[in-house]
C-alpha atoms as a PDB file:
ATOM      1  CA  UNK A   1     -15.829  -6.931  -2.976  1.00  0.00           C
ATOM      2  CA  UNK A   2     -12.633  -8.411  -4.412  1.00  0.00           C
ATOM      3  CA  UNK A   3     -14.419 -11.497  -5.753  1.00  0.00           C
ATOM      4  CA  UNK A   4     -16.936  -9.277  -7.549  1.00  0.00           C
ATOM      5  CA  UNK A   5     -14.378  -6.737  -8.800  1.00  0.00           C
ATOM      6  CA  UNK A   6     -10.939  -8.410  -8.954  1.00  0.00           C
ATOM      7  CA  UNK A   7      -9.356  -5.408 -10.692  1.00  0.00           C
ATOM      8  CA  UNK A   8     -10.767  -2.795  -8.339  1.00  0.00           C
ATOM      9  CA  UNK A   9      -7.987  -0.778  -6.713  1.00  0.00           C
ATOM     10  CA  UNK A  10     -10.283   0.009  -3.800  1.00  0.00           C
ATOM     11  CA  UNK A  11     -11.088  -3.660  -3.214  1.00  0.00           C
ATOM     12  CA  UNK A  12      -7.422  -4.645  -3.530  1.00  0.00           C
ATOM     13  CA  UNK A  13      -6.322  -1.930  -1.106  1.00  0.00           C
ATOM     14  CA  UNK A  14      -8.957  -2.891   1.442  1.00  0.00           C
ATOM     15  CA  UNK A  15      -8.223  -6.577   1.103  1.00  0.00           C
ATOM     16  CA  UNK A  16      -4.482  -5.997   1.359  1.00  0.00           C
ATOM     17  CA  UNK A  17      -4.921  -3.965   4.528  1.00  0.00           C
ATOM     18  CA  UNK A  18      -7.219  -6.636   5.978  1.00  0.00           C
ATOM     19  CA  UNK A  19      -4.727  -9.383   5.138  1.00  0.00           C
ATOM     20  CA  UNK A  20      -2.012  -7.387   6.877  1.00  0.00           C
ATOM     21  CA  UNK A  21      -4.060  -7.091  10.079  1.00  0.00           C
ATOM     22  CA  UNK A  22      -4.696 -10.850   9.968  1.00  0.00           C
ATOM     23  CA  UNK A  23      -0.972 -11.523   9.670  1.00  0.00           C
ATOM     24  CA  UNK A  24      -1.182 -12.840   6.102  1.00  0.00           C
ATOM     25  CA  UNK A  25       1.863 -10.856   5.108  1.00  0.00           C
ATOM     26  CA  UNK A  26       2.606 -12.243   1.657  1.00  0.00           C
ATOM     27  CA  UNK A  27      -1.023 -12.013   0.567  1.00  0.00           C
ATOM     28  CA  UNK A  28      -1.127  -8.419   1.817  1.00  0.00           C
ATOM     29  CA  UNK A  29       2.039  -7.531  -0.068  1.00  0.00           C
ATOM     30  CA  UNK A  30       0.785  -9.179  -3.258  1.00  0.00           C
ATOM     31  CA  UNK A  31      -2.498  -7.273  -3.179  1.00  0.00           C
ATOM     32  CA  UNK A  32      -0.910  -3.938  -2.330  1.00  0.00           C
ATOM     33  CA  UNK A  33       1.611  -4.343  -5.126  1.00  0.00           C
ATOM     34  CA  UNK A  34      -1.329  -5.025  -7.459  1.00  0.00           C
ATOM     35  CA  UNK A  35      -2.804  -1.672  -6.436  1.00  0.00           C
ATOM     36  CA  UNK A  36       0.465  -0.004  -7.410  1.00  0.00           C
ATOM     37  CA  UNK A  37       0.733  -1.967 -10.652  1.00  0.00           C
ATOM     38  CA  UNK A  38      -2.854  -1.291 -11.682  1.00  0.00           C
ATOM     39  CA  UNK A  39      -3.747   1.378 -14.132  1.00  0.00           C
ATOM     40  CA  UNK A  40      -3.305   4.714 -12.349  1.00  0.00           C
ATOM     41  CA  UNK A  41      -6.526   6.082 -13.829  1.00  0.00           C
ATOM     42  CA  UNK A  42      -8.397   3.112 -12.337  1.00  0.00           C
ATOM     43  CA  UNK A  43      -7.096   3.964  -8.873  1.00  0.00           C
ATOM     44  CA  UNK A  44      -7.730   7.693  -9.270  1.00  0.00           C
ATOM     45  CA  UNK A  45     -11.269   7.174 -10.530  1.00  0.00           C
ATOM     46  CA  UNK A  46     -12.015   5.281  -7.321  1.00  0.00           C
ATOM     47  CA  UNK A  47     -10.525   8.017  -5.144  1.00  0.00           C
ATOM     48  CA  UNK A  48      -7.580   5.891  -4.036  1.00  0.00           C
ATOM     49  CA  UNK A  49      -4.390   7.824  -3.532  1.00  0.00           C
ATOM     50  CA  UNK A  50      -1.530   5.512  -4.461  1.00  0.00           C
ATOM     51  CA  UNK A  51       0.480   6.614  -1.409  1.00  0.00           C
ATOM     52  CA  UNK A  52      -1.876   4.677   0.878  1.00  0.00           C
ATOM     53  CA  UNK A  53      -0.632   1.414  -0.620  1.00  0.00           C
ATOM     54  CA  UNK A  54       2.965   2.590  -0.220  1.00  0.00           C
ATOM     55  CA  UNK A  55       2.348   3.499   3.440  1.00  0.00           C
ATOM     56  CA  UNK A  56       0.767   0.133   4.156  1.00  0.00           C
ATOM     57  CA  UNK A  57       3.694  -1.628   2.484  1.00  0.00           C
ATOM     58  CA  UNK A  58       6.103   0.491   4.539  1.00  0.00           C
ATOM     59  CA  UNK A  59       4.335  -0.627   7.709  1.00  0.00           C
ATOM     60  CA  UNK A  60       4.474  -4.284   6.689  1.00  0.00           C
ATOM     61  CA  UNK A  61       8.159  -4.126   5.792  1.00  0.00           C
ATOM     62  CA  UNK A  62       8.913  -2.348   9.077  1.00  0.00           C
ATOM     63  CA  UNK A  63       7.216  -5.161  11.012  1.00  0.00           C
ATOM     64  CA  UNK A  64       9.163  -7.712   8.965  1.00  0.00           C
ATOM     65  CA  UNK A  65      12.444  -6.117  10.021  1.00  0.00           C
ATOM     66  CA  UNK A  66      13.170  -4.715   6.571  1.00  0.00           C
ATOM     67  CA  UNK A  67      13.858  -1.036   7.323  1.00  0.00           C
ATOM     68  CA  UNK A  68      15.388  -0.315   3.920  1.00  0.00           C
ATOM     69  CA  UNK A  69      12.293  -1.568   2.072  1.00  0.00           C
ATOM     70  CA  UNK A  70      10.074   0.322   4.536  1.00  0.00           C
ATOM     71  CA  UNK A  71      12.041   3.503   3.917  1.00  0.00           C
ATOM     72  CA  UNK A  72      11.773   3.063   0.134  1.00  0.00           C
ATOM     73  CA  UNK A  73       7.993   2.701   0.340  1.00  0.00           C
ATOM     74  CA  UNK A  74       7.737   5.684   2.694  1.00  0.00           C
ATOM     75  CA  UNK A  75       9.726   7.812   0.251  1.00  0.00           C
ATOM     76  CA  UNK A  76       7.360   6.786  -2.547  1.00  0.00           C
ATOM     77  CA  UNK A  77       4.384   7.779  -0.368  1.00  0.00           C
ATOM     78  CA  UNK A  78       5.972  11.094   0.602  1.00  0.00           C
ATOM     79  CA  UNK A  79       6.664  11.933  -3.033  1.00  0.00           C
ATOM     80  CA  UNK A  80       2.948  12.575  -3.456  1.00  0.00           C
ATOM     81  CA  UNK A  81       3.089  15.368  -0.881  1.00  0.00           C
ATOM     82  CA  UNK A  82      -0.186  14.573   0.850  1.00  0.00           C
ATOM     83  CA  UNK A  83       1.299  11.841   3.033  1.00  0.00           C
ATOM     84  CA  UNK A  84       4.792  13.141   3.751  1.00  0.00           C
ATOM     85  CA  UNK A  85       4.104  13.528   7.469  1.00  0.00           C
ATOM     86  CA  UNK A  86       2.903   9.920   7.830  1.00  0.00           C
ATOM     87  CA  UNK A  87       5.917   8.706   5.855  1.00  0.00           C
ATOM     88  CA  UNK A  88       8.340  10.335   8.320  1.00  0.00           C
ATOM     89  CA  UNK A  89       7.853   7.487  10.813  1.00  0.00           C
ATOM     90  CA  UNK A  90       9.590   5.045   8.472  1.00  0.00           C
ATOM     91  CA  UNK A  91      12.848   6.917   7.993  1.00  0.00           C
ATOM     92  CA  UNK A  92      15.884   4.831   8.886  1.00  0.00           C
END
């Protein structure tokens, strides 16, 4: 999907999450940051809540031993309101 639609927030989110599960941490971070940097209307039109990328980044940073970065991403996810409960696990 990403090769066909390189600017698709949905494809970037999915690919970033897949890269994370494969242990390709930097690639995962790069793609998830692209989701956050992309045009917000692009993400919304595809039904992608931005907090999902923040939560995935929080998880990655937590696994990397970067609790401060994980907490920052969790706060950004919780700001939306829909994902505040999930974000609680990353408080330091």
